[in-house]
Amino acid sequence: MKLRRSRRSKRGRIEIIPMIDVMFFLLATFMLTSLAMQRLDAVRINLPQGHAQQLSQDKPLTLSVNEANQVFINQQAVRLDQVTPTIARLLRPDANVVVAADDHASHGVVVQAMLAARAAGAEHFLVAVHRE
Protein backbone atom coordinates (compact mmCIF):
# COMPACT_ATOMS: atom_id res chain seq x y z
CA MET A 1 0.00 0.00 0.00
CA LYS A 2 1.32 3.28 -1.10
CA LEU A 3 0.72 6.27 1.09
CA ARG A 4 0.32 9.62 -0.49
CA ARG A 5 1.72 12.69 0.97
CA SER A 6 -0.82 15.02 2.32
CA ARG A 7 -1.66 17.88 0.06
CA ARG A 8 1.29 19.67 -1.33
CA SER A 9 1.27 23.35 -0.63
CA LYS A 10 0.44 25.28 -3.75
CA ARG A 11 2.00 28.59 -4.47
CA GLY A 12 -0.39 31.49 -4.83
CA ARG A 13 -0.69 33.25 -8.19
CA ILE A 14 -1.38 36.87 -8.87
CA GLU A 15 -3.92 37.22 -11.62
CA ILE A 16 -3.13 40.20 -13.86
CA ILE A 17 -6.22 40.21 -16.04
CA PRO A 18 -8.54 41.83 -13.42
CA MET A 19 -5.90 44.50 -12.79
CA ILE A 20 -5.72 45.24 -16.52
CA ASP A 21 -9.51 45.57 -16.64
CA VAL A 22 -9.45 48.04 -13.76
CA MET A 23 -6.67 50.07 -15.40
CA PHE A 24 -8.58 50.32 -18.69
CA PHE A 25 -11.71 51.38 -16.80
CA LEU A 26 -9.76 54.10 -14.96
CA LEU A 27 -8.14 55.26 -18.20
CA ALA A 28 -11.52 55.57 -19.93
CA THR A 29 -12.98 57.38 -16.91
CA PHE A 30 -10.16 59.94 -16.78
CA MET A 31 -10.32 60.51 -20.54
CA LEU A 32 -14.07 61.19 -20.45
CA THR A 33 -13.70 63.41 -17.39
CA SER A 34 -10.97 65.49 -19.01
CA LEU A 35 -13.09 65.94 -22.14
CA ALA A 36 -16.01 67.10 -20.01
CA MET A 37 -13.77 69.73 -18.41
CA GLN A 38 -12.85 71.31 -21.75
CA ARG A 39 -14.78 74.28 -23.09
CA LEU A 40 -15.55 73.03 -26.56
CA ASP A 41 -18.00 75.83 -27.39
CA ALA A 42 -15.51 78.64 -26.84
CA VAL A 43 -14.39 81.09 -29.51
CA ARG A 44 -11.06 79.96 -30.95
CA ILE A 45 -8.39 82.62 -30.34
CA ASN A 46 -4.64 82.58 -29.74
CA LEU A 47 -3.99 84.32 -26.42
CA PRO A 48 -0.71 86.09 -25.70
CA GLN A 49 1.69 84.46 -23.21
CA GLY A 50 1.86 85.77 -19.65
CA HIS A 51 1.48 85.12 -15.94
CA ALA A 52 -1.92 85.58 -14.31
CA GLN A 53 -3.87 84.44 -11.29
CA GLN A 54 -6.78 82.03 -11.63
CA LEU A 55 -10.22 83.63 -11.85
CA SER A 56 -12.47 83.05 -8.86
CA GLN A 57 -15.83 83.61 -10.57
CA ASP A 58 -17.74 80.72 -12.08
CA LYS A 59 -19.06 82.38 -15.24
CA PRO A 60 -17.60 85.84 -15.90
CA LEU A 61 -18.75 88.06 -18.75
CA THR A 62 -16.31 87.47 -21.62
CA LEU A 63 -15.58 89.97 -24.38
CA SER A 64 -13.63 88.20 -27.14
CA VAL A 65 -12.06 89.48 -30.36
CA ASN A 66 -10.77 86.87 -32.80
CA GLU A 67 -8.16 87.10 -35.54
CA ALA A 68 -10.75 88.30 -38.10
CA ASN A 69 -11.64 91.21 -35.73
CA GLN A 70 -15.07 89.76 -34.96
CA VAL A 71 -16.42 90.66 -31.53
CA PHE A 72 -18.06 88.04 -29.29
CA ILE A 73 -19.81 88.42 -25.95
CA ASN A 74 -20.06 85.09 -24.11
CA GLN A 75 -19.48 83.18 -27.39
CA GLN A 76 -22.22 85.09 -29.24
CA ALA A 77 -21.13 87.17 -32.21
CA VAL A 78 -22.15 90.83 -32.05
CA ARG A 79 -21.36 93.89 -34.12
CA LEU A 80 -19.26 96.61 -32.56
CA ASP A 81 -22.27 98.95 -32.27
CA GLN A 82 -24.20 96.23 -30.38
CA VAL A 83 -21.57 95.78 -27.66
CA THR A 84 -22.92 98.55 -25.38
CA PRO A 85 -26.57 97.38 -25.18
CA THR A 86 -25.62 93.72 -24.97
CA ILE A 87 -23.17 94.23 -22.10
CA ALA A 88 -25.58 96.59 -20.33
CA ARG A 89 -28.17 93.79 -20.40
CA LEU A 90 -25.78 91.04 -19.18
CA LEU A 91 -23.54 92.93 -16.74
CA ARG A 92 -24.05 92.39 -13.01
CA PRO A 93 -23.05 95.08 -10.52
CA ASP A 94 -19.34 95.04 -9.67
CA ALA A 95 -18.70 92.23 -12.15
CA ASN A 96 -15.46 91.81 -14.04
CA VAL A 97 -15.33 91.71 -17.83
CA VAL A 98 -12.72 89.31 -19.19
CA VAL A 99 -11.14 90.59 -22.41
CA ALA A 100 -9.87 87.69 -24.52
CA ALA A 101 -8.27 89.12 -27.64
CA ASP A 102 -6.41 87.11 -30.26
CA ASP A 103 -2.69 87.78 -30.64
CA HIS A 104 -3.29 88.99 -34.19
CA ALA A 105 -6.48 90.99 -33.54
CA SER A 106 -6.40 94.66 -34.37
CA HIS A 107 -5.55 96.77 -31.33
CA GLY A 108 -8.07 99.40 -32.40
CA VAL A 109 -10.98 96.96 -32.48
CA VAL A 110 -10.10 95.64 -29.02
CA VAL A 111 -9.91 99.16 -27.59
CA GLN A 112 -13.19 100.18 -29.25
CA ALA A 113 -14.91 97.09 -27.81
CA MET A 114 -13.53 97.88 -24.35
CA LEU A 115 -14.68 101.50 -24.59
CA ALA A 116 -18.15 100.31 -25.63
CA ALA A 117 -18.17 97.97 -22.62
CA ARG A 118 -17.13 100.84 -20.36
CA ALA A 119 -20.00 102.93 -21.75
CA ALA A 120 -22.33 100.07 -20.74
CA GLY A 121 -21.14 100.30 -17.14
CA ALA A 122 -18.19 97.89 -16.99
CA GLU A 123 -15.53 99.20 -14.64
CA HIS A 124 -13.20 96.25 -14.08
CA PHE A 125 -11.46 94.54 -16.99
CA LEU A 126 -9.33 91.41 -16.82
CA VAL A 127 -7.12 90.45 -19.74
CA ALA A 128 -7.02 86.73 -20.58
CA VAL A 129 -3.58 85.27 -21.30
CA HIS A 130 -2.31 81.77 -22.04
CA ARG A 131 -0.34 80.41 -19.09
CA GLU A 132 3.23 79.42 -19.82
C-alpha atoms as a PDB file:
ATOM      1  CA  MET A   1       0.000   0.000   0.000  1.00  0.00           C
ATOM      2  CA  LYS A   2       1.323   3.281  -1.103  1.00  0.00           C
ATOM      3  CA  LEU A   3       0.723   6.269   1.088  1.00  0.00           C
ATOM      4  CA  ARG A   4       0.318   9.624  -0.493  1.00  0.00           C
ATOM      5  CA  ARG A   5       1.718  12.690   0.969  1.00  0.00           C
ATOM      6  CA  SER A   6      -0.819  15.017   2.323  1.00  0.00           C
ATOM      7  CA  ARG A   7      -1.656  17.880   0.057  1.00  0.00           C
ATOM      8  CA  ARG A   8       1.294  19.669  -1.333  1.00  0.00           C
ATOM      9  CA  SER A   9       1.272  23.350  -0.626  1.00  0.00           C
ATOM     10  CA  LYS A  10       0.440  25.275  -3.754  1.00  0.00           C
ATOM     11  CA  ARG A  11       2.000  28.589  -4.470  1.00  0.00           C
ATOM     12  CA  GLY A  12      -0.395  31.492  -4.835  1.00  0.00           C
ATOM     13  CA  ARG A  13      -0.692  33.253  -8.185  1.00  0.00           C
ATOM     14  CA  ILE A  14      -1.384  36.872  -8.869  1.00  0.00           C
ATOM     15  CA  GLU A  15      -3.924  37.221 -11.615  1.00  0.00           C
ATOM     16  CA  ILE A  16      -3.125  40.197 -13.855  1.00  0.00           C
ATOM     17  CA  ILE A  17      -6.224  40.212 -16.044  1.00  0.00           C
ATOM     18  CA  PRO A  18      -8.537  41.829 -13.419  1.00  0.00           C
ATOM     19  CA  MET A  19      -5.899  44.504 -12.790  1.00  0.00           C
ATOM     20  CA  ILE A  20      -5.724  45.238 -16.524  1.00  0.00           C
ATOM     21  CA  ASP A  21      -9.510  45.568 -16.639  1.00  0.00           C
ATOM     22  CA  VAL A  22      -9.453  48.039 -13.764  1.00  0.00           C
ATOM     23  CA  MET A  23      -6.667  50.075 -15.398  1.00  0.00           C
ATOM     24  CA  PHE A  24      -8.582  50.322 -18.687  1.00  0.00           C
ATOM     25  CA  PHE A  25     -11.705  51.378 -16.796  1.00  0.00           C
ATOM     26  CA  LEU A  26      -9.762  54.100 -14.960  1.00  0.00           C
ATOM     27  CA  LEU A  27      -8.142  55.259 -18.200  1.00  0.00           C
ATOM     28  CA  ALA A  28     -11.517  55.573 -19.926  1.00  0.00           C
ATOM     29  CA  THR A  29     -12.985  57.381 -16.906  1.00  0.00           C
ATOM     30  CA  PHE A  30     -10.163  59.935 -16.782  1.00  0.00           C
ATOM     31  CA  MET A  31     -10.323  60.514 -20.537  1.00  0.00           C
ATOM     32  CA  LEU A  32     -14.068  61.188 -20.447  1.00  0.00           C
ATOM     33  CA  THR A  33     -13.702  63.406 -17.394  1.00  0.00           C
ATOM     34  CA  SER A  34     -10.973  65.488 -19.006  1.00  0.00           C
ATOM     35  CA  LEU A  35     -13.094  65.939 -22.136  1.00  0.00           C
ATOM     36  CA  ALA A  36     -16.009  67.096 -20.009  1.00  0.00           C
ATOM     37  CA  MET A  37     -13.774  69.732 -18.409  1.00  0.00           C
ATOM     38  CA  GLN A  38     -12.848  71.309 -21.754  1.00  0.00           C
ATOM     39  CA  ARG A  39     -14.777  74.280 -23.091  1.00  0.00           C
ATOM     40  CA  LEU A  40     -15.549  73.025 -26.561  1.00  0.00           C
ATOM     41  CA  ASP A  41     -18.000  75.828 -27.394  1.00  0.00           C
ATOM     42  CA  ALA A  42     -15.506  78.637 -26.841  1.00  0.00           C
ATOM     43  CA  VAL A  43     -14.392  81.093 -29.507  1.00  0.00           C
ATOM     44  CA  ARG A  44     -11.058  79.958 -30.950  1.00  0.00           C
ATOM     45  CA  ILE A  45      -8.391  82.618 -30.342  1.00  0.00           C
ATOM     46  CA  ASN A  46      -4.637  82.582 -29.738  1.00  0.00           C
ATOM     47  CA  LEU A  47      -3.992  84.317 -26.421  1.00  0.00           C
ATOM     48  CA  PRO A  48      -0.708  86.088 -25.704  1.00  0.00           C
ATOM     49  CA  GLN A  49       1.692  84.463 -23.214  1.00  0.00           C
ATOM     50  CA  GLY A  50       1.858  85.771 -19.651  1.00  0.00           C
ATOM     51  CA  HIS A  51       1.482  85.120 -15.937  1.00  0.00           C
ATOM     52  CA  ALA A  52      -1.918  85.583 -14.311  1.00  0.00           C
ATOM     53  CA  GLN A  53      -3.873  84.444 -11.288  1.00  0.00           C
ATOM     54  CA  GLN A  54      -6.777  82.027 -11.626  1.00  0.00           C
ATOM     55  CA  LEU A  55     -10.215  83.634 -11.851  1.00  0.00           C
ATOM     56  CA  SER A  56     -12.472  83.045  -8.862  1.00  0.00           C
ATOM     57  CA  GLN A  57     -15.834  83.613 -10.570  1.00  0.00           C
ATOM     58  CA  ASP A  58     -17.735  80.720 -12.080  1.00  0.00           C
ATOM     59  CA  LYS A  59     -19.057  82.379 -15.236  1.00  0.00           C
ATOM     60  CA  PRO A  60     -17.600  85.845 -15.904  1.00  0.00           C
ATOM     61  CA  LEU A  61     -18.753  88.059 -18.752  1.00  0.00           C
ATOM     62  CA  THR A  62     -16.312  87.473 -21.616  1.00  0.00           C
ATOM     63  CA  LEU A  63     -15.577  89.972 -24.376  1.00  0.00           C
ATOM     64  CA  SER A  64     -13.634  88.204 -27.143  1.00  0.00           C
ATOM     65  CA  VAL A  65     -12.061  89.484 -30.357  1.00  0.00           C
ATOM     66  CA  ASN A  66     -10.773  86.871 -32.803  1.00  0.00           C
ATOM     67  CA  GLU A  67      -8.160  87.097 -35.543  1.00  0.00           C
ATOM     68  CA  ALA A  68     -10.745  88.303 -38.097  1.00  0.00           C
ATOM     69  CA  ASN A  69     -11.642  91.211 -35.726  1.00  0.00           C
ATOM     70  CA  GLN A  70     -15.072  89.759 -34.960  1.00  0.00           C
ATOM     71  CA  VAL A  71     -16.424  90.662 -31.527  1.00  0.00           C
ATOM     72  CA  PHE A  72     -18.064  88.038 -29.288  1.00  0.00           C
ATOM     73  CA  ILE A  73     -19.813  88.415 -25.950  1.00  0.00           C
ATOM     74  CA  ASN A  74     -20.055  85.087 -24.106  1.00  0.00           C
ATOM     75  CA  GLN A  75     -19.477  83.179 -27.394  1.00  0.00           C
ATOM     76  CA  GLN A  76     -22.218  85.089 -29.238  1.00  0.00           C
ATOM     77  CA  ALA A  77     -21.133  87.167 -32.215  1.00  0.00           C
ATOM     78  CA  VAL A  78     -22.149  90.834 -32.049  1.00  0.00           C
ATOM     79  CA  ARG A  79     -21.362  93.891 -34.123  1.00  0.00           C
ATOM     80  CA  LEU A  80     -19.264  96.610 -32.557  1.00  0.00           C
ATOM     81  CA  ASP A  81     -22.268  98.946 -32.273  1.00  0.00           C
ATOM     82  CA  GLN A  82     -24.201  96.231 -30.380  1.00  0.00           C
ATOM     83  CA  VAL A  83     -21.571  95.779 -27.661  1.00  0.00           C
ATOM     84  CA  THR A  84     -22.921  98.545 -25.376  1.00  0.00           C
ATOM     85  CA  PRO A  85     -26.567  97.380 -25.182  1.00  0.00           C
ATOM     86  CA  THR A  86     -25.621  93.718 -24.967  1.00  0.00           C
ATOM     87  CA  ILE A  87     -23.167  94.234 -22.099  1.00  0.00           C
ATOM     88  CA  ALA A  88     -25.582  96.585 -20.332  1.00  0.00           C
ATOM     89  CA  ARG A  89     -28.175  93.790 -20.397  1.00  0.00           C
ATOM     90  CA  LEU A  90     -25.776  91.039 -19.185  1.00  0.00           C
ATOM     91  CA  LEU A  91     -23.545  92.929 -16.740  1.00  0.00           C
ATOM     92  CA  ARG A  92     -24.048  92.386 -13.009  1.00  0.00           C
ATOM     93  CA  PRO A  93     -23.052  95.083 -10.525  1.00  0.00           C
ATOM     94  CA  ASP A  94     -19.338  95.044  -9.667  1.00  0.00           C
ATOM     95  CA  ALA A  95     -18.697  92.230 -12.154  1.00  0.00           C
ATOM     96  CA  ASN A  96     -15.458  91.808 -14.039  1.00  0.00           C
ATOM     97  CA  VAL A  97     -15.326  91.709 -17.828  1.00  0.00           C
ATOM     98  CA  VAL A  98     -12.724  89.310 -19.190  1.00  0.00           C
ATOM     99  CA  VAL A  99     -11.142  90.586 -22.405  1.00  0.00           C
ATOM    100  CA  ALA A 100      -9.871  87.686 -24.522  1.00  0.00           C
ATOM    101  CA  ALA A 101      -8.269  89.119 -27.644  1.00  0.00           C
ATOM    102  CA  ASP A 102      -6.411  87.108 -30.257  1.00  0.00           C
ATOM    103  CA  ASP A 103      -2.694  87.777 -30.636  1.00  0.00           C
ATOM    104  CA  HIS A 104      -3.294  88.988 -34.191  1.00  0.00           C
ATOM    105  CA  ALA A 105      -6.477  90.988 -33.541  1.00  0.00           C
ATOM    106  CA  SER A 106      -6.405  94.662 -34.373  1.00  0.00           C
ATOM    107  CA  HIS A 107      -5.550  96.770 -31.333  1.00  0.00           C
ATOM    108  CA  GLY A 108      -8.066  99.405 -32.396  1.00  0.00           C
ATOM    109  CA  VAL A 109     -10.984  96.961 -32.483  1.00  0.00           C
ATOM    110  CA  VAL A 110     -10.098  95.639 -29.022  1.00  0.00           C
ATOM    111  CA  VAL A 111      -9.907  99.161 -27.590  1.00  0.00           C
ATOM    112  CA  GLN A 112     -13.195 100.177 -29.249  1.00  0.00           C
ATOM    113  CA  ALA A 113     -14.906  97.088 -27.808  1.00  0.00           C
ATOM    114  CA  MET A 114     -13.529  97.878 -24.346  1.00  0.00           C
ATOM    115  CA  LEU A 115     -14.684 101.504 -24.591  1.00  0.00           C
ATOM    116  CA  ALA A 116     -18.148 100.314 -25.625  1.00  0.00           C
ATOM    117  CA  ALA A 117     -18.175  97.966 -22.617  1.00  0.00           C
ATOM    118  CA  ARG A 118     -17.129 100.843 -20.362  1.00  0.00           C
ATOM    119  CA  ALA A 119     -19.998 102.930 -21.755  1.00  0.00           C
ATOM    120  CA  ALA A 120     -22.329 100.073 -20.742  1.00  0.00           C
ATOM    121  CA  GLY A 121     -21.139 100.303 -17.137  1.00  0.00           C
ATOM    122  CA  ALA A 122     -18.194  97.888 -16.989  1.00  0.00           C
ATOM    123  CA  GLU A 123     -15.534  99.198 -14.638  1.00  0.00           C
ATOM    124  CA  HIS A 124     -13.195  96.248 -14.077  1.00  0.00           C
ATOM    125  CA  PHE A 125     -11.463  94.543 -16.990  1.00  0.00           C
ATOM    126  CA  LEU A 126      -9.335  91.406 -16.817  1.00  0.00           C
ATOM    127  CA  VAL A 127      -7.116  90.446 -19.745  1.00  0.00           C
ATOM    128  CA  ALA A 128      -7.022  86.727 -20.579  1.00  0.00           C
ATOM    129  CA  VAL A 129      -3.575  85.271 -21.300  1.00  0.00           C
ATOM    130  CA  HIS A 130      -2.309  81.774 -22.042  1.00  0.00           C
ATOM    131  CA  ARG A 131      -0.343  80.415 -19.085  1.00  0.00           C
ATOM    132  CA  GLU A 132       3.225  79.421 -19.821  1.00  0.00           C
END
